[in-house]
PDB file of N, CA and C in Angstrom:
ATOM      1  N   MET A   1     -56.164   9.999  -5.660  1.00  0.00           N
ATOM      2  CA  MET A   1     -55.147  10.512  -6.555  1.00  0.00           C
ATOM      3  C   MET A   1     -55.679  10.588  -7.975  1.00  0.00           C
ATOM      4  N   LYS A   2     -56.430   9.571  -8.367  1.00  0.00           N
ATOM      5  CA  LYS A   2     -56.973   9.548  -9.723  1.00  0.00           C
ATOM      6  C   LYS A   2     -57.932  10.713  -9.924  1.00  0.00           C
ATOM      7  N   ASN A   3     -58.814  10.947  -8.921  1.00  0.00           N
ATOM      8  CA  ASN A   3     -59.754  12.065  -9.023  1.00  0.00           C
ATOM      9  C   ASN A   3     -59.025  13.397  -8.993  1.00  0.00           C
ATOM     10  N   PHE A   4     -57.937  13.483  -8.226  1.00  0.00           N
ATOM     11  CA  PHE A   4     -57.157  14.716  -8.154  1.00  0.00           C
ATOM     12  C   PHE A   4     -56.616  15.077  -9.538  1.00  0.00           C
ATOM     13  N   LEU A   5     -56.039  14.091 -10.224  1.00  0.00           N
ATOM     14  CA  LEU A   5     -55.498  14.352 -11.557  1.00  0.00           C
ATOM     15  C   LEU A   5     -56.606  14.657 -12.558  1.00  0.00           C
ATOM     16  N   LYS A   6     -57.727  13.947 -12.429  1.00  0.00           N
ATOM     17  CA  LYS A   6     -58.841  14.190 -13.342  1.00  0.00           C
ATOM     18  C   LYS A   6     -59.372  15.609 -13.159  1.00  0.00           C
ATOM     19  N   ASN A   7     -59.567  16.022 -11.901  1.00  0.00           N
ATOM     20  CA  ASN A   7     -60.052  17.371 -11.639  1.00  0.00           C
ATOM     21  C   ASN A   7     -59.038  18.424 -12.071  1.00  0.00           C
ATOM     22  N   MET A   8     -57.780  18.109 -11.922  1.00  0.00           N
ATOM     23  CA  MET A   8     -56.740  19.065 -12.282  1.00  0.00           C
ATOM     24  C   MET A   8     -56.796  19.401 -13.765  1.00  0.00           C
ATOM     25  N   PHE A   9     -57.064  18.413 -14.599  1.00  0.00           N
ATOM     26  CA  PHE A   9     -57.042  18.652 -16.037  1.00  0.00           C
ATOM     27  C   PHE A   9     -58.420  18.958 -16.617  1.00  0.00           C
ATOM     28  N   THR A  10     -59.483  18.710 -15.872  1.00  0.00           N
ATOM     29  CA  THR A  10     -60.815  19.002 -16.408  1.00  0.00           C
ATOM     30  C   THR A  10     -61.370  20.336 -15.933  1.00  0.00           C
ATOM     31  N   GLN A  11     -60.792  20.931 -14.905  1.00  0.00           N
ATOM     32  CA  GLN A  11     -61.302  22.194 -14.389  1.00  0.00           C
ATOM     33  C   GLN A  11     -60.593  23.400 -14.995  1.00  0.00           C
ATOM     34  N   GLY A  12     -59.840  23.195 -16.039  1.00  0.00           N
ATOM     35  CA  GLY A  12     -59.202  24.312 -16.724  1.00  0.00           C
ATOM     36  C   GLY A  12     -58.011  24.863 -15.960  1.00  0.00           C
ATOM     37  N   TRP A  13     -57.779  26.162 -16.159  1.00  0.00           N
ATOM     38  CA  TRP A  13     -56.598  26.816 -15.608  1.00  0.00           C
ATOM     39  C   TRP A  13     -56.577  26.789 -14.073  1.00  0.00           C
ATOM     40  N   ASN A  14     -57.719  26.997 -13.428  1.00  0.00           N
ATOM     41  CA  ASN A  14     -57.752  26.994 -11.961  1.00  0.00           C
ATOM     42  C   ASN A  14     -57.395  25.616 -11.392  1.00  0.00           C
ATOM     43  N   GLY A  15     -57.877  24.568 -12.020  1.00  0.00           N
ATOM     44  CA  GLY A  15     -57.529  23.230 -11.575  1.00  0.00           C
ATOM     45  C   GLY A  15     -56.048  22.946 -11.757  1.00  0.00           C
ATOM     46  N   PHE A  16     -55.508  23.425 -12.873  1.00  0.00           N
ATOM     47  CA  PHE A  16     -54.080  23.227 -13.126  1.00  0.00           C
ATOM     48  C   PHE A  16     -53.237  24.003 -12.116  1.00  0.00           C
ATOM     49  N   LYS A  17     -53.635  25.240 -11.822  1.00  0.00           N
ATOM     50  CA  LYS A  17     -52.905  26.043 -10.836  1.00  0.00           C
ATOM     51  C   LYS A  17     -52.939  25.372  -9.467  1.00  0.00           C
ATOM     52  N   TYR A  18     -54.086  24.826  -9.094  1.00  0.00           N
ATOM     53  CA  TYR A  18     -54.193  24.138  -7.804  1.00  0.00           C
ATOM     54  C   TYR A  18     -53.273  22.914  -7.771  1.00  0.00           C
ATOM     55  N   GLY A  19     -53.250  22.151  -8.858  1.00  0.00           N
ATOM     56  CA  GLY A  19     -52.406  20.962  -8.918  1.00  0.00           C
ATOM     57  C   GLY A  19     -50.930  21.304  -8.843  1.00  0.00           C
ATOM     58  N   VAL A  20     -50.515  22.336  -9.565  1.00  0.00           N
ATOM     59  CA  VAL A  20     -49.112  22.748  -9.538  1.00  0.00           C
ATOM     60  C   VAL A  20     -48.752  23.289  -8.156  1.00  0.00           C
ATOM     61  N   GLY A  21     -49.671  24.041  -7.537  1.00  0.00           N
ATOM     62  CA  GLY A  21     -49.422  24.559  -6.185  1.00  0.00           C
ATOM     63  C   GLY A  21     -49.280  23.438  -5.166  1.00  0.00           C
ATOM     64  N   THR A  22     -50.099  22.410  -5.299  1.00  0.00           N
ATOM     65  CA  THR A  22     -50.021  21.265  -4.400  1.00  0.00           C
ATOM     66  C   THR A  22     -48.705  20.518  -4.594  1.00  0.00           C
ATOM     67  N   LEU A  23     -48.311  20.333  -5.844  1.00  0.00           N
ATOM     68  CA  LEU A  23     -47.051  19.661  -6.132  1.00  0.00           C
ATOM     69  C   LEU A  23     -45.873  20.474  -5.603  1.00  0.00           C
ATOM     70  N   TRP A  24     -45.888  21.792  -5.803  1.00  0.00           N
ATOM     71  CA  TRP A  24     -44.800  22.641  -5.317  1.00  0.00           C
ATOM     72  C   TRP A  24     -44.719  22.602  -3.788  1.00  0.00           C
ATOM     73  N   HIS A  25     -45.878  22.594  -3.122  1.00  0.00           N
ATOM     74  CA  HIS A  25     -45.903  22.491  -1.660  1.00  0.00           C
ATOM     75  C   HIS A  25     -45.245  21.189  -1.214  1.00  0.00           C
ATOM     76  N   PHE A  26     -45.565  20.099  -1.900  1.00  0.00           N
ATOM     77  CA  PHE A  26     -44.983  18.809  -1.535  1.00  0.00           C
ATOM     78  C   PHE A  26     -43.471  18.826  -1.706  1.00  0.00           C
ATOM     79  N   ILE A  27     -42.991  19.386  -2.815  1.00  0.00           N
ATOM     80  CA  ILE A  27     -41.551  19.417  -3.097  1.00  0.00           C
ATOM     81  C   ILE A  27     -40.819  20.352  -2.146  1.00  0.00           C
ATOM     82  N   SER A  28     -41.379  21.520  -1.876  1.00  0.00           N
ATOM     83  CA  SER A  28     -40.648  22.526  -1.097  1.00  0.00           C
ATOM     84  C   SER A  28     -40.847  22.409   0.409  1.00  0.00           C
ATOM     85  N   VAL A  29     -41.877  21.687   0.869  1.00  0.00           N
ATOM     86  CA  VAL A  29     -42.138  21.606   2.307  1.00  0.00           C
ATOM     87  C   VAL A  29     -42.058  20.165   2.819  1.00  0.00           C
ATOM     88  N   GLU A  30     -42.777  19.278   2.214  1.00  0.00           N
ATOM     89  CA  GLU A  30     -42.881  17.917   2.742  1.00  0.00           C
ATOM     90  C   GLU A  30     -41.581  17.123   2.606  1.00  0.00           C
ATOM     91  N   ILE A  31     -40.931  17.198   1.456  1.00  0.00           N
ATOM     92  CA  ILE A  31     -39.705  16.430   1.248  1.00  0.00           C
ATOM     93  C   ILE A  31     -38.585  16.892   2.177  1.00  0.00           C
ATOM     94  N   PRO A  32     -38.315  18.208   2.318  1.00  0.00           N
ATOM     95  CA  PRO A  32     -37.272  18.607   3.279  1.00  0.00           C
ATOM     96  C   PRO A  32     -37.581  18.190   4.715  1.00  0.00           C
ATOM     97  N   GLU A  33     -38.849  18.270   5.128  1.00  0.00           N
ATOM     98  CA  GLU A  33     -39.212  17.824   6.479  1.00  0.00           C
ATOM     99  C   GLU A  33     -38.939  16.338   6.652  1.00  0.00           C
ATOM    100  N   LEU A  34     -39.309  15.548   5.665  1.00  0.00           N
ATOM    101  CA  LEU A  34     -39.088  14.102   5.738  1.00  0.00           C
ATOM    102  C   LEU A  34     -37.599  13.789   5.810  1.00  0.00           C
ATOM    103  N   MET A  35     -36.801  14.447   4.967  1.00  0.00           N
ATOM    104  CA  MET A  35     -35.362  14.186   4.953  1.00  0.00           C
ATOM    105  C   MET A  35     -34.710  14.619   6.256  1.00  0.00           C
ATOM    106  N   SER A  36     -35.187  15.702   6.855  1.00  0.00           N
ATOM    107  CA  SER A  36     -34.596  16.178   8.102  1.00  0.00           C
ATOM    108  C   SER A  36     -35.038  15.319   9.281  1.00  0.00           C
ATOM    109  N   ASN A  37     -36.310  15.021   9.368  1.00  0.00           N
ATOM    110  CA  ASN A  37     -36.823  14.263  10.506  1.00  0.00           C
ATOM    111  C   ASN A  37     -36.306  12.824  10.520  1.00  0.00           C
ATOM    112  N   TRP A  38     -36.163  12.224   9.374  1.00  0.00           N
ATOM    113  CA  TRP A  38     -35.661  10.856   9.305  1.00  0.00           C
ATOM    114  C   TRP A  38     -34.151  10.809   9.153  1.00  0.00           C
ATOM    115  N   ARG A  39     -33.496  11.951   9.022  1.00  0.00           N
ATOM    116  CA  ARG A  39     -32.037  12.068   8.880  1.00  0.00           C
ATOM    117  C   ARG A  39     -31.529  11.134   7.781  1.00  0.00           C
ATOM    118  N   LEU A  40     -32.113  11.283   6.597  1.00  0.00           N
ATOM    119  CA  LEU A  40     -31.784  10.378   5.501  1.00  0.00           C
ATOM    120  C   LEU A  40     -30.345  10.530   5.009  1.00  0.00           C
ATOM    121  N   VAL A  41     -29.862  11.761   4.866  1.00  0.00           N
ATOM    122  CA  VAL A  41     -28.503  11.950   4.343  1.00  0.00           C
ATOM    123  C   VAL A  41     -27.452  11.365   5.287  1.00  0.00           C
ATOM    124  N   PRO A  42     -27.496  11.660   6.599  1.00  0.00           N
ATOM    125  CA  PRO A  42     -26.495  11.024   7.469  1.00  0.00           C
ATOM    126  C   PRO A  42     -26.580   9.501   7.475  1.00  0.00           C
ATOM    127  N   ARG A  43     -27.771   8.972   7.386  1.00  0.00           N
ATOM    128  CA  ARG A  43     -27.910   7.514   7.378  1.00  0.00           C
ATOM    129  C   ARG A  43     -27.336   6.909   6.101  1.00  0.00           C
ATOM    130  N   LEU A  44     -27.575   7.577   4.973  1.00  0.00           N
ATOM    131  CA  LEU A  44     -27.000   7.081   3.726  1.00  0.00           C
ATOM    132  C   LEU A  44     -25.474   7.173   3.751  1.00  0.00           C
ATOM    133  N   LEU A  45     -24.948   8.241   4.344  1.00  0.00           N
ATOM    134  CA  LEU A  45     -23.493   8.365   4.458  1.00  0.00           C
ATOM    135  C   LEU A  45     -22.917   7.291   5.384  1.00  0.00           C
ATOM    136  N   MET A  46     -23.636   6.946   6.443  1.00  0.00           N
ATOM    137  CA  MET A  46     -23.169   5.868   7.320  1.00  0.00           C
ATOM    138  C   MET A  46     -23.158   4.528   6.584  1.00  0.00           C
ATOM    139  N   VAL A  47     -24.151   4.281   5.758  1.00  0.00           N
ATOM    140  CA  VAL A  47     -24.179   3.047   4.963  1.00  0.00           C
ATOM    141  C   VAL A  47     -23.008   3.036   3.981  1.00  0.00           C
ATOM    142  N   ALA A  48     -22.748   4.180   3.335  1.00  0.00           N
ATOM    143  CA  ALA A  48     -21.627   4.256   2.395  1.00  0.00           C
ATOM    144  C   ALA A  48     -20.299   4.033   3.115  1.00  0.00           C
ATOM    145  N   TYR A  49     -20.143   4.600   4.310  1.00  0.00           N
ATOM    146  CA  TYR A  49     -18.903   4.375   5.074  1.00  0.00           C
ATOM    147  C   TYR A  49     -18.770   2.902   5.469  1.00  0.00           C
ATOM    148  N   GLY A  50     -19.853   2.290   5.889  1.00  0.00           N
ATOM    149  CA  GLY A  50     -19.814   0.877   6.257  1.00  0.00           C
ATOM    150  C   GLY A  50     -19.378   0.002   5.100  1.00  0.00           C
ATOM    151  N   TRP A  51     -19.879   0.326   3.914  1.00  0.00           N
ATOM    152  CA  TRP A  51     -19.499  -0.438   2.727  1.00  0.00           C
ATOM    153  C   TRP A  51     -18.018  -0.237   2.420  1.00  0.00           C
ATOM    154  N   ALA A  52     -17.532   1.012   2.480  1.00  0.00           N
ATOM    155  CA  ALA A  52     -16.123   1.297   2.215  1.00  0.00           C
ATOM    156  C   ALA A  52     -15.234   0.622   3.267  1.00  0.00           C
ATOM    157  N   PHE A  53     -15.657   0.673   4.519  1.00  0.00           N
ATOM    158  CA  PHE A  53     -14.900   0.044   5.599  1.00  0.00           C
ATOM    159  C   PHE A  53     -14.770  -1.460   5.360  1.00  0.00           C
ATOM    160  N   LEU A  54     -15.884  -2.099   5.037  1.00  0.00           N
ATOM    161  CA  LEU A  54     -15.864  -3.538   4.786  1.00  0.00           C
ATOM    162  C   LEU A  54     -14.970  -3.874   3.602  1.00  0.00           C
ATOM    163  N   ASP A  55     -15.018  -3.059   2.560  1.00  0.00           N
ATOM    164  CA  ASP A  55     -14.198  -3.284   1.380  1.00  0.00           C
ATOM    165  C   ASP A  55     -12.707  -3.154   1.707  1.00  0.00           C
ATOM    166  N   VAL A  56     -12.349  -2.130   2.495  1.00  0.00           N
ATOM    167  CA  VAL A  56     -10.943  -1.938   2.878  1.00  0.00           C
ATOM    168  C   VAL A  56     -10.459  -3.090   3.757  1.00  0.00           C
ATOM    169  N   ILE A  57     -11.272  -3.512   4.700  1.00  0.00           N
ATOM    170  CA  ILE A  57     -10.874  -4.610   5.588  1.00  0.00           C
ATOM    171  C   ILE A  57     -10.691  -5.909   4.801  1.00  0.00           C
ATOM    172  N   ASN A  58     -11.610  -6.195   3.877  1.00  0.00           N
ATOM    173  CA  ASN A  58     -11.472  -7.408   3.061  1.00  0.00           C
ATOM    174  C   ASN A  58     -10.215  -7.338   2.197  1.00  0.00           C
ATOM    175  N   TRP A  59      -9.924  -6.164   1.639  1.00  0.00           N
ATOM    176  CA  TRP A  59      -8.724  -5.996   0.831  1.00  0.00           C
ATOM    177  C   TRP A  59      -7.472  -6.231   1.682  1.00  0.00           C
ATOM    178  N   PHE A  60      -7.447  -5.639   2.875  1.00  0.00           N
ATOM    179  CA  PHE A  60      -6.266  -5.745   3.735  1.00  0.00           C
ATOM    180  C   PHE A  60      -6.041  -7.186   4.188  1.00  0.00           C
ATOM    181  N   MET A  61      -7.106  -7.883   4.504  1.00  0.00           N
ATOM    182  CA  MET A  61      -6.954  -9.263   4.982  1.00  0.00           C
ATOM    183  C   MET A  61      -6.538 -10.216   3.867  1.00  0.00           C
ATOM    184  N   ALA A  62      -6.777  -9.829   2.621  1.00  0.00           N
ATOM    185  CA  ALA A  62      -6.383 -10.674   1.494  1.00  0.00           C
ATOM    186  C   ALA A  62      -4.915 -10.482   1.124  1.00  0.00           C
ATOM    187  N   LEU A  63      -4.258  -9.471   1.653  1.00  0.00           N
ATOM    188  CA  LEU A  63      -2.846  -9.238   1.344  1.00  0.00           C
ATOM    189  C   LEU A  63      -1.979 -10.291   2.014  1.00  0.00           C
ATOM    190  N   GLU A  64      -0.939 -10.726   1.299  1.00  0.00           N
ATOM    191  CA  GLU A  64      -0.033 -11.719   1.872  1.00  0.00           C
ATOM    192  C   GLU A  64       0.923 -11.089   2.881  1.00  0.00           C
ATOM    193  N   ASN A  65       1.599 -10.040   2.472  1.00  0.00           N
ATOM    194  CA  ASN A  65       2.548  -9.335   3.335  1.00  0.00           C
ATOM    195  C   ASN A  65       2.209  -7.847   3.317  1.00  0.00           C
ATOM    196  N   PRO A  66       1.331  -7.389   4.184  1.00  0.00           N
ATOM    197  CA  PRO A  66       0.978  -5.965   4.161  1.00  0.00           C
ATOM    198  C   PRO A  66       2.159  -5.100   4.612  1.00  0.00           C
ATOM    199  N   THR A  67       2.275  -3.943   3.972  1.00  0.00           N
ATOM    200  CA  THR A  67       3.339  -3.000   4.328  1.00  0.00           C
ATOM    201  C   THR A  67       2.818  -2.028   5.378  1.00  0.00           C
ATOM    202  N   ASN A  68       3.720  -1.206   5.884  1.00  0.00           N
ATOM    203  CA  ASN A  68       3.314  -0.198   6.868  1.00  0.00           C
ATOM    204  C   ASN A  68       2.364   0.828   6.250  1.00  0.00           C
ATOM    205  N   ALA A  69       2.572   1.163   4.998  1.00  0.00           N
ATOM    206  CA  ALA A  69       1.693   2.123   4.332  1.00  0.00           C
ATOM    207  C   ALA A  69       0.272   1.564   4.203  1.00  0.00           C
ATOM    208  N   GLN A  70       0.176   0.297   3.878  1.00  0.00           N
ATOM    209  CA  GLN A  70      -1.143  -0.323   3.755  1.00  0.00           C
ATOM    210  C   GLN A  70      -1.832  -0.409   5.110  1.00  0.00           C
ATOM    211  N   ALA A  71      -1.081  -0.727   6.154  1.00  0.00           N
ATOM    212  CA  ALA A  71      -1.654  -0.766   7.503  1.00  0.00           C
ATOM    213  C   ALA A  71      -2.057   0.639   7.944  1.00  0.00           C
ATOM    214  N   GLY A  72      -1.287   1.628   7.521  1.00  0.00           N
ATOM    215  CA  GLY A  72      -1.636   3.014   7.832  1.00  0.00           C
ATOM    216  C   GLY A  72      -2.938   3.436   7.177  1.00  0.00           C
ATOM    217  N   LEU A  73      -3.159   2.990   5.954  1.00  0.00           N
ATOM    218  CA  LEU A  73      -4.420   3.298   5.273  1.00  0.00           C
ATOM    219  C   LEU A  73      -5.607   2.726   6.042  1.00  0.00           C
ATOM    220  N   VAL A  74      -5.487   1.489   6.483  1.00  0.00           N
ATOM    221  CA  VAL A  74      -6.563   0.868   7.251  1.00  0.00           C
ATOM    222  C   VAL A  74      -6.785   1.639   8.549  1.00  0.00           C
ATOM    223  N   SER A  75      -5.713   2.062   9.184  1.00  0.00           N
ATOM    224  CA  SER A  75      -5.819   2.817  10.428  1.00  0.00           C
ATOM    225  C   SER A  75      -6.554   4.144  10.205  1.00  0.00           C
ATOM    226  N   VAL A  76      -6.235   4.809   9.108  1.00  0.00           N
ATOM    227  CA  VAL A  76      -6.907   6.076   8.794  1.00  0.00           C
ATOM    228  C   VAL A  76      -8.393   5.853   8.525  1.00  0.00           C
ATOM    229  N   VAL A  77      -8.727   4.807   7.801  1.00  0.00           N
ATOM    230  CA  VAL A  77     -10.138   4.525   7.499  1.00  0.00           C
ATOM    231  C   VAL A  77     -10.905   4.221   8.785  1.00  0.00           C
ATOM    232  N   VAL A  78     -10.321   3.441   9.682  1.00  0.00           N
ATOM    233  CA  VAL A  78     -10.980   3.113  10.947  1.00  0.00           C
ATOM    234  C   VAL A  78     -11.112   4.360  11.819  1.00  0.00           C
ATOM    235  N   GLY A  79     -10.059   5.174  11.894  1.00  0.00           N
ATOM    236  CA  GLY A  79     -10.117   6.407  12.692  1.00  0.00           C
ATOM    237  C   GLY A  79     -11.130   7.392  12.154  1.00  0.00           C
ATOM    238  N   ALA A  80     -11.218   7.516  10.837  1.00  0.00           N
ATOM    239  CA  ALA A  80     -12.202   8.408  10.239  1.00  0.00           C
ATOM    240  C   ALA A  80     -13.616   7.930  10.556  1.00  0.00           C
ATOM    241  N   GLY A  81     -13.789   6.620  10.596  1.00  0.00           N
ATOM    242  CA  GLY A  81     -15.106   6.068  10.939  1.00  0.00           C
ATOM    243  C   GLY A  81     -15.510   6.404  12.358  1.00  0.00           C
ATOM    244  N   ALA A  82     -14.543   6.381  13.271  1.00  0.00           N
ATOM    245  CA  ALA A  82     -14.859   6.728  14.663  1.00  0.00           C
ATOM    246  C   ALA A  82     -15.302   8.186  14.762  1.00  0.00           C
ATOM    247  N   GLY A  83     -14.599   9.068  14.071  1.00  0.00           N
ATOM    248  CA  GLY A  83     -14.991  10.481  14.071  1.00  0.00           C
ATOM    249  C   GLY A  83     -16.335  10.705  13.414  1.00  0.00           C
ATOM    250  N   TRP A  84     -16.556  10.045  12.294  1.00  0.00           N
ATOM    251  CA  TRP A  84     -17.821  10.198  11.583  1.00  0.00           C
ATOM    252  C   TRP A  84     -18.982   9.674  12.436  1.00  0.00           C
ATOM    253  N   PHE A  85     -18.778   8.554  13.120  1.00  0.00           N
ATOM    254  CA  PHE A  85     -19.834   7.995  13.954  1.00  0.00           C
ATOM    255  C   PHE A  85     -20.158   8.922  15.120  1.00  0.00           C
ATOM    256  N   ALA A  86     -19.149   9.549  15.703  1.00  0.00           N
ATOM    257  CA  ALA A  86     -19.396  10.497  16.797  1.00  0.00           C
ATOM    258  C   ALA A  86     -20.230  11.685  16.309  1.00  0.00           C
ATOM    259  N   ILE A  87     -19.920  12.181  15.129  1.00  0.00           N
ATOM    260  CA  ILE A  87     -20.711  13.286  14.572  1.00  0.00           C
ATOM    261  C   ILE A  87     -22.140  12.829  14.312  1.00  0.00           C
ATOM    262  N   TYR A  88     -22.303  11.627  13.794  1.00  0.00           N
ATOM    263  CA  TYR A  88     -23.632  11.100  13.500  1.00  0.00           C
ATOM    264  C   TYR A  88     -24.463  10.932  14.774  1.00  0.00           C
ATOM    265  N   VAL A  89     -23.856  10.375  15.813  1.00  0.00           N
ATOM    266  CA  VAL A  89     -24.592  10.113  17.054  1.00  0.00           C
ATOM    267  C   VAL A  89     -24.970  11.412  17.760  1.00  0.00           C
ATOM    268  N   ASN A  90     -24.079  12.391  17.768  1.00  0.00           N
ATOM    269  CA  ASN A  90     -24.348  13.649  18.469  1.00  0.00           C
ATOM    270  C   ASN A  90     -25.177  14.635  17.658  1.00  0.00           C
ATOM    271  N   GLY A  91     -25.392  14.366  16.396  1.00  0.00           N
ATOM    272  CA  GLY A  91     -26.185  15.262  15.558  1.00  0.00           C
ATOM    273  C   GLY A  91     -27.670  15.115  15.856  1.00  0.00           C
ATOM    274  N   LYS A  92     -28.384  16.173  15.615  1.00  0.00           N
ATOM    275  CA  LYS A  92     -29.830  16.166  15.830  1.00  0.00           C
ATOM    276  C   LYS A  92     -30.513  16.655  14.558  1.00  0.00           C
ATOM    277  N   PRO A  93     -31.708  16.153  14.282  1.00  0.00           N
ATOM    278  CA  PRO A  93     -32.399  16.647  13.085  1.00  0.00           C
ATOM    279  C   PRO A  93     -32.735  18.120  13.245  1.00  0.00           C
ATOM    280  N   SER A  94     -32.561  18.848  12.173  1.00  0.00           N
ATOM    281  CA  SER A  94     -32.911  20.267  12.229  1.00  0.00           C
ATOM    282  C   SER A  94     -34.429  20.401  12.191  1.00  0.00           C
ATOM    283  N   LYS A  95     -34.924  21.421  12.831  1.00  0.00           N
ATOM    284  CA  LYS A  95     -36.367  21.652  12.852  1.00  0.00           C
ATOM    285  C   LYS A  95     -36.728  22.510  11.648  1.00  0.00           C
ATOM    286  N   VAL A  96     -37.208  21.868  10.618  1.00  0.00           N
ATOM    287  CA  VAL A  96     -37.620  22.579   9.417  1.00  0.00           C
ATOM    288  C   VAL A  96     -39.013  23.131   9.668  1.00  0.00           C
ATOM    289  N   LYS A  97     -39.130  24.435   9.654  1.00  0.00           N
ATOM    290  CA  LYS A  97     -40.431  25.066   9.872  1.00  0.00           C
ATOM    291  C   LYS A  97     -40.840  25.771   8.597  1.00  0.00           C
ATOM    292  N   HIS A  98     -42.120  25.714   8.332  1.00  0.00           N
ATOM    293  CA  HIS A  98     -42.622  26.394   7.140  1.00  0.00           C
ATOM    294  C   HIS A  98     -43.830  27.207   7.533  1.00  0.00           C
ATOM    295  N   LYS A  99     -44.047  28.258   6.779  1.00  0.00           N
ATOM    296  CA  LYS A  99     -45.232  29.064   7.030  1.00  0.00           C
ATOM    297  C   LYS A  99     -46.401  28.457   6.269  1.00  0.00           C
ATOM    298  N   GLU A 100     -47.546  28.579   6.871  1.00  0.00           N
ATOM    299  CA  GLU A 100     -48.750  28.073   6.216  1.00  0.00           C
ATOM    300  C   GLU A 100     -49.043  28.957   5.016  1.00  0.00           C
ATOM    301  N   GLN A 101     -49.391  28.316   3.928  1.00  0.00           N
ATOM    302  CA  GLN A 101     -49.675  29.078   2.715  1.00  0.00           C
ATOM    303  C   GLN A 101     -50.951  28.572   2.068  1.00  0.00           C
ATOM    304  N   ASP A 102     -51.575  29.434   1.338  1.00  0.00           N
ATOM    305  CA  ASP A 102     -52.785  29.056   0.614  1.00  0.00           C
ATOM    306  C   ASP A 102     -52.368  28.461  -0.721  1.00  0.00           C
ATOM    307  N   ILE A 103     -52.685  27.205  -0.929  1.00  0.00           N
ATOM    308  CA  ILE A 103     -52.258  26.506  -2.144  1.00  0.00           C
ATOM    309  C   ILE A 103     -53.091  26.941  -3.342  1.00  0.00           C
ATOM    310  N   GLY A 104     -54.337  27.195  -3.147  1.00  0.00           N
ATOM    311  CA  GLY A 104     -55.250  27.492  -4.262  1.00  0.00           C
ATOM    312  C   GLY A 104     -55.141  28.818  -4.767  1.00  0.00           C
TER     313      GLY A 104
END
């Protein structure tokens, strides 16, 4: 990496163009493939739902006399989690394909 940066700035305009092309390739090809193959967004959303679910359950259990509306809220949160989990489990990573390009 150190030599890459050194060559990028010491070889003039061609070195800079190569460095920018390599960086653009990484941003436009490698990152989307990584996010799709590892399913990062659905996993982060599942973590966020888990945190919200735990927070709602702790809130509900701390109530002295819960009302029907409060119990309904908990029911909706739990039901939404079941639907969200089904979508997560049945989803598949999209196949991100890219055409080979000349970076230099």
